[in-house]
Amino acid sequence: MRRYIFAERGGIYIIDLQKTLKELERAKELIRQVVHRGESVLFVCTKPQLREIVQAEAERCGAFYVTERWLGGMLTNFQTIKKNIRRLKELERGAEEGAFEFYTKKEQLLLDRERQKLDRYLSGIKNMVRLPGCLFVVDARREDIAVAEANKLNIPVIAIADTNADPDMLTVPIAGNDDAIRSVSLITGEVADTVEAAMKEVPEELRVAAEEEEEEVFTYSSDAAVAVTERGTARRARKRRRPRPEVIAAHRVTPEAEGGESEGPAEEDEGAPADTEGTSEG
């Protein structure tokens, strides 16, 4: 982060705000491109003092967010995360419809605990059916697992990076104090405004196409742009072989014919001793 530091005074590094503004404009342009392609933006911030700000801005612009804890494999093992999301929706639907009324109190308590646990970690991505097109991260050093997974999947990462972060791991590093509430709220608000404005510019045809493509899920195994179905397999279905009676009959006739030829000499050999016995008796 040396190139983003303006000066040092009393052991405190002062960030060059002109470069921060330049990187923020780059980030906004990247977000516009991602949203115009019909892809989503994922907000990531697990700091207790900042999670409410990030969650509020993400909900305002209609983006997805992770504010509790980044689960390992949330991107690279998205197929398993999708199963947990499906389980969460089943539990919520069962609770709304009263399907658990005939369960015992202990079973209802266990189901309610499971629902609360899943909702705590997956509520922000409950409607995310495929991988996001971009990540917006607050404190790239703290969210190193999320950044590593995004880099492995070639997903661009926009992050508020402090002076102790590694800008080489980020697509667009926005130099700033990732601990200050005012700086984080200002940058996050600009990003949310960009997402909201870009969504309004998306044509209706692309929105419909994006909704149709929601059934397909792209996971870590799809680096070669191979669509993976909900079962998690990219193999083509094998065609059923039709039975061929003539081939089956040929296989059945051949052993019988071979057996018949081999039985002939054996019968002759058995008959030879019988004739000799008859002559000797005569």
Protein backbone atom coordinates (compact mmCIF):
# COMPACT_ATOMS: atom_id res chain seq x y z
CA MET A 1 0.00 0.00 0.00
CA ARG A 2 3.05 2.27 -0.23
CA ARG A 3 1.82 3.91 -3.43
CA TYR A 4 -1.41 5.00 -1.71
CA ILE A 5 0.32 6.66 1.28
CA PHE A 6 0.75 10.43 1.15
CA ALA A 7 3.03 10.91 4.18
CA GLU A 8 3.89 9.64 7.65
CA ARG A 9 3.57 11.75 10.78
CA GLY A 10 4.20 10.49 14.27
CA GLY A 11 4.06 6.85 13.22
CA ILE A 12 0.67 7.35 11.54
CA TYR A 13 0.32 6.89 7.79
CA ILE A 14 -1.75 9.48 5.91
CA ILE A 15 -3.58 8.14 2.84
CA ASP A 16 -3.61 10.11 -0.40
CA LEU A 17 -7.30 10.91 -0.89
CA GLN A 18 -6.84 11.78 -4.55
CA LYS A 19 -5.80 8.21 -5.26
CA THR A 20 -8.67 6.96 -3.10
CA LEU A 21 -11.11 8.97 -5.21
CA LYS A 22 -9.55 7.64 -8.41
CA GLU A 23 -9.89 4.04 -7.26
CA LEU A 24 -13.46 4.68 -6.13
CA GLU A 25 -14.36 5.85 -9.65
CA ARG A 26 -12.77 2.69 -11.06
CA ALA A 27 -14.80 0.59 -8.64
CA LYS A 28 -18.04 2.31 -9.62
CA GLU A 29 -17.35 1.70 -13.30
CA LEU A 30 -16.64 -1.98 -12.64
CA ILE A 31 -19.88 -2.32 -10.66
CA ARG A 32 -21.85 -0.77 -13.53
CA GLN A 33 -20.41 -3.30 -15.95
CA VAL A 34 -21.20 -6.19 -13.61
CA VAL A 35 -24.80 -5.10 -13.00
CA HIS A 36 -25.40 -4.39 -16.70
CA ARG A 37 -24.41 -8.01 -17.45
CA GLY A 38 -27.22 -9.16 -15.17
CA GLU A 39 -24.94 -10.31 -12.35
CA SER A 40 -25.14 -9.48 -8.66
CA VAL A 41 -22.85 -7.78 -6.14
CA LEU A 42 -22.04 -9.36 -2.77
CA PHE A 43 -21.23 -7.11 0.22
CA VAL A 44 -18.92 -8.69 2.82
CA CYS A 45 -18.22 -7.21 6.26
CA THR A 46 -18.03 -9.17 9.51
CA LYS A 47 -16.83 -6.41 11.82
CA PRO A 48 -19.33 -5.96 14.68
CA GLN A 49 -19.24 -2.15 14.62
CA LEU A 50 -19.73 -1.95 10.83
CA ARG A 51 -22.00 -4.86 9.92
CA GLU A 52 -25.22 -2.91 10.47
CA ILE A 53 -24.10 -0.14 8.11
CA VAL A 54 -23.12 -2.58 5.37
CA GLN A 55 -26.30 -4.61 5.78
CA ALA A 56 -28.51 -1.52 5.58
CA GLU A 57 -26.79 -0.28 2.42
CA ALA A 58 -26.95 -3.71 0.77
CA GLU A 59 -30.66 -4.05 1.51
CA ARG A 60 -31.29 -0.54 0.20
CA CYS A 61 -29.76 -1.27 -3.20
CA GLY A 62 -31.05 -4.86 -3.46
CA ALA A 63 -27.65 -6.56 -3.19
CA PHE A 64 -26.62 -9.66 -1.23
CA TYR A 65 -24.55 -9.45 1.94
CA VAL A 66 -22.59 -11.50 4.48
CA THR A 67 -22.24 -9.80 7.86
CA GLU A 68 -22.02 -12.61 10.45
CA ARG A 69 -19.24 -14.98 9.48
CA TRP A 70 -17.76 -16.02 6.19
CA LEU A 71 -18.35 -19.75 5.88
CA GLY A 72 -15.44 -21.55 4.27
CA GLY A 73 -16.34 -22.60 0.74
CA MET A 74 -19.19 -20.14 0.37
CA LEU A 75 -18.01 -19.52 -3.20
CA THR A 76 -15.84 -22.51 -4.09
CA ASN A 77 -18.35 -24.98 -2.60
CA PHE A 78 -21.48 -23.08 -3.52
CA GLN A 79 -23.41 -26.28 -4.29
CA THR A 80 -23.37 -27.23 -0.59
CA ILE A 81 -24.32 -23.70 0.43
CA LYS A 82 -27.24 -23.89 -1.97
CA LYS A 83 -28.46 -27.06 -0.24
CA ASN A 84 -28.36 -25.28 3.11
CA ILE A 85 -30.32 -22.37 1.63
CA ARG A 86 -32.92 -24.81 0.34
CA ARG A 87 -33.15 -26.36 3.81
CA LEU A 88 -33.62 -22.91 5.35
CA LYS A 89 -36.48 -22.13 2.99
CA GLU A 90 -38.13 -25.47 3.79
CA LEU A 91 -37.98 -24.76 7.53
CA GLU A 92 -39.37 -21.25 7.06
CA ARG A 93 -42.19 -22.50 4.87
CA GLY A 94 -43.02 -25.25 7.34
CA ALA A 95 -43.15 -22.76 10.22
CA GLU A 96 -45.44 -20.42 8.24
CA GLU A 97 -47.81 -23.19 7.19
CA GLY A 98 -47.90 -24.79 10.64
CA ALA A 99 -46.51 -28.11 9.40
CA PHE A 100 -44.64 -28.71 12.68
CA GLU A 101 -47.66 -28.49 14.98
CA PHE A 102 -47.98 -32.25 15.28
CA TYR A 103 -44.31 -32.69 16.16
CA THR A 104 -43.23 -33.12 19.76
CA LYS A 105 -41.97 -30.10 21.67
CA LYS A 106 -38.41 -31.37 21.53
CA GLU A 107 -38.57 -31.86 17.76
CA GLN A 108 -40.06 -28.38 17.29
CA LEU A 109 -37.30 -26.89 19.42
CA LEU A 110 -34.59 -28.65 17.40
CA LEU A 111 -36.11 -27.50 14.11
CA ASP A 112 -36.40 -23.94 15.38
CA ARG A 113 -32.76 -23.93 16.49
CA GLU A 114 -31.69 -25.25 13.10
CA ARG A 115 -33.70 -22.53 11.34
CA GLN A 116 -32.23 -19.78 13.52
CA LYS A 117 -28.69 -21.00 12.91
CA LEU A 118 -29.13 -21.16 9.14
CA ASP A 119 -30.90 -17.80 9.07
CA ARG A 120 -28.08 -16.20 11.03
CA TYR A 121 -25.42 -17.06 8.45
CA LEU A 122 -27.42 -17.33 5.21
CA SER A 123 -30.14 -14.68 5.48
CA GLY A 124 -28.18 -12.23 3.32
CA ILE A 125 -27.68 -14.70 0.46
CA LYS A 126 -30.98 -16.57 0.76
CA ASN A 127 -32.08 -15.52 -2.73
CA MET A 128 -28.66 -15.83 -4.39
CA VAL A 129 -28.99 -18.76 -6.77
CA ARG A 130 -25.65 -18.39 -8.54
CA LEU A 131 -22.22 -16.97 -7.87
CA PRO A 132 -21.97 -13.18 -7.68
CA GLY A 133 -20.31 -11.15 -10.39
CA CYS A 134 -18.37 -8.96 -7.96
CA LEU A 135 -17.41 -8.74 -4.27
CA PHE A 136 -17.32 -5.57 -2.20
CA VAL A 137 -15.27 -6.24 0.92
CA VAL A 138 -14.68 -4.08 3.98
CA ASP A 139 -11.23 -4.83 5.45
CA ALA A 140 -9.56 -7.14 2.94
CA ARG A 141 -7.08 -8.36 5.57
CA ARG A 142 -9.82 -9.62 7.86
CA GLU A 143 -11.81 -11.23 5.01
CA ASP A 144 -8.81 -12.98 3.49
CA ILE A 145 -10.72 -16.25 2.96
CA ALA A 146 -13.41 -14.51 0.92
CA VAL A 147 -10.77 -12.72 -1.15
CA ALA A 148 -8.87 -15.97 -1.76
CA GLU A 149 -12.01 -17.80 -2.91
CA ALA A 150 -12.96 -14.95 -5.23
CA ASN A 151 -9.48 -14.91 -6.76
CA LYS A 152 -9.65 -18.67 -7.28
CA LEU A 153 -12.89 -18.24 -9.25
CA ASN A 154 -11.71 -15.12 -11.10
CA ILE A 155 -14.39 -12.98 -9.46
CA PRO A 156 -13.35 -9.30 -9.24
CA VAL A 157 -12.88 -7.96 -5.71
CA ILE A 158 -13.43 -4.34 -4.67
CA ALA A 159 -12.24 -3.70 -1.13
CA ILE A 160 -11.61 -0.94 1.35
CA ALA A 161 -7.95 -1.56 2.08
CA ASP A 162 -6.03 -0.08 4.99
CA THR A 163 -2.28 0.49 4.96
CA ASN A 164 -1.66 -3.09 6.21
CA ALA A 165 -3.49 -4.79 3.31
CA ASP A 166 -2.05 -6.36 0.15
CA PRO A 167 -3.39 -4.52 -2.92
CA ASP A 168 -2.10 -7.22 -5.29
CA MET A 169 -4.87 -9.55 -4.08
CA LEU A 170 -7.58 -7.04 -4.99
CA THR A 171 -8.96 -6.01 -8.35
CA VAL A 172 -9.73 -2.46 -7.19
CA PRO A 173 -8.22 -1.50 -3.81
CA ILE A 174 -9.87 1.58 -2.30
CA ALA A 175 -7.38 3.01 0.16
CA GLY A 176 -9.11 4.08 3.35
CA ASN A 177 -9.52 3.54 7.05
CA ASP A 178 -11.52 0.31 7.32
CA ASP A 179 -12.12 0.84 11.06
CA ALA A 180 -13.69 4.31 10.92
CA ILE A 181 -17.49 4.32 10.75
CA ARG A 182 -17.68 7.55 8.75
CA SER A 183 -15.26 6.49 6.02
CA VAL A 184 -16.84 3.04 5.64
CA SER A 185 -20.37 4.45 5.53
CA LEU A 186 -19.33 7.05 2.93
CA ILE A 187 -17.64 4.57 0.57
CA THR A 188 -20.31 1.88 1.08
CA GLY A 189 -23.04 4.45 0.38
CA GLU A 190 -21.37 5.41 -2.91
CA VAL A 191 -21.11 1.77 -3.95
CA ALA A 192 -24.75 1.12 -3.01
CA ASP A 193 -25.89 4.17 -4.98
CA THR A 194 -23.99 2.90 -8.02
CA VAL A 195 -25.59 -0.55 -7.75
CA GLU A 196 -29.06 0.95 -7.40
CA ALA A 197 -28.60 3.29 -10.36
CA ALA A 198 -27.13 0.53 -12.55
CA MET A 199 -30.07 -1.78 -11.80
CA LYS A 200 -32.48 0.86 -13.07
CA GLU A 201 -30.50 1.11 -16.32
CA VAL A 202 -30.68 -2.62 -17.05
CA PRO A 203 -33.11 -3.33 -19.94
CA GLU A 204 -36.16 -5.42 -19.26
CA GLU A 205 -34.98 -8.12 -21.66
CA LEU A 206 -31.80 -8.70 -19.67
CA ARG A 207 -33.78 -8.90 -16.44
CA VAL A 208 -36.01 -11.62 -17.88
CA ALA A 209 -32.98 -13.48 -19.23
CA ALA A 210 -31.29 -13.29 -15.83
CA GLU A 211 -34.36 -14.73 -14.14
CA GLU A 212 -34.42 -17.62 -16.62
CA GLU A 213 -30.75 -18.34 -16.00
CA GLU A 214 -31.29 -18.50 -12.23
CA GLU A 215 -32.07 -22.19 -12.50
CA GLU A 216 -28.47 -22.88 -13.54
CA VAL A 217 -25.78 -22.82 -10.86
CA PHE A 218 -22.08 -22.19 -11.58
CA THR A 219 -19.63 -23.60 -9.10
CA TYR A 220 -15.89 -23.99 -8.73
CA SER A 221 -15.94 -26.93 -11.16
CA SER A 222 -17.18 -24.63 -13.93
CA ASP A 223 -13.90 -22.83 -14.67
CA ALA A 224 -14.28 -23.86 -18.29
CA ALA A 225 -17.75 -22.28 -18.48
CA VAL A 226 -19.52 -25.64 -18.00
CA ALA A 227 -23.02 -25.30 -16.61
CA VAL A 228 -23.56 -27.47 -13.54
CA THR A 229 -27.08 -28.55 -12.77
CA GLU A 230 -28.65 -28.67 -9.31
CA ARG A 231 -27.48 -32.26 -8.93
CA GLY A 232 -23.92 -30.98 -9.22
CA THR A 233 -22.87 -33.06 -12.22
CA ALA A 234 -21.77 -31.89 -15.64
CA ARG A 235 -21.78 -35.31 -17.29
CA ARG A 236 -24.00 -35.94 -20.27
CA ALA A 237 -26.78 -38.45 -19.84
CA ARG A 238 -26.00 -41.74 -21.55
CA LYS A 239 -28.43 -43.01 -24.16
CA ARG A 240 -30.20 -46.26 -23.40
CA ARG A 241 -29.15 -49.13 -25.59
CA ARG A 242 -31.99 -50.76 -27.47
CA PRO A 243 -32.21 -54.55 -27.24
CA ARG A 244 -31.19 -56.35 -30.42
CA PRO A 245 -32.87 -59.80 -30.57
CA GLU A 246 -30.77 -61.06 -33.47
CA VAL A 247 -27.53 -60.44 -31.57
CA ILE A 248 -28.90 -62.16 -28.46
CA ALA A 249 -30.05 -65.13 -30.50
CA ALA A 250 -26.63 -65.42 -32.18
CA HIS A 251 -24.91 -65.51 -28.80
CA ARG A 252 -27.29 -68.22 -27.60
CA VAL A 253 -27.00 -70.40 -30.72
CA THR A 254 -23.21 -70.41 -30.90
CA PRO A 255 -22.57 -72.25 -27.59
CA GLU A 256 -25.24 -74.84 -28.41
CA ALA A 257 -23.67 -75.50 -31.79
CA GLU A 258 -20.23 -75.90 -30.28
CA GLY A 259 -21.61 -78.18 -27.61
CA GLY A 260 -23.40 -80.37 -30.18
CA GLU A 261 -20.22 -80.86 -32.23
CA SER A 262 -18.24 -81.85 -29.17
CA GLU A 263 -20.86 -84.40 -28.02
CA GLY A 264 -20.68 -86.43 -31.25
CA PRO A 265 -17.21 -87.94 -30.81
CA ALA A 266 -17.86 -88.57 -27.15
CA GLU A 267 -20.90 -90.74 -27.99
CA GLU A 268 -18.90 -92.71 -30.53
CA ASP A 269 -16.18 -93.37 -27.98
CA GLU A 270 -18.74 -94.56 -25.48
CA GLY A 271 -20.28 -96.86 -28.07
CA ALA A 272 -16.97 -98.51 -29.03
CA PRO A 273 -16.41 -100.34 -25.78
CA ALA A 274 -20.02 -101.60 -25.84
CA ASP A 275 -19.48 -103.32 -29.22
CA THR A 276 -16.32 -105.01 -28.02
CA GLU A 277 -18.10 -106.35 -25.00
CA GLY A 278 -20.88 -107.76 -27.16
CA THR A 279 -18.45 -109.62 -29.46
CA SER A 280 -16.54 -111.07 -26.59
CA GLU A 281 -19.70 -112.47 -25.09
CA GLY A 282 -20.63 -114.06 -28.40
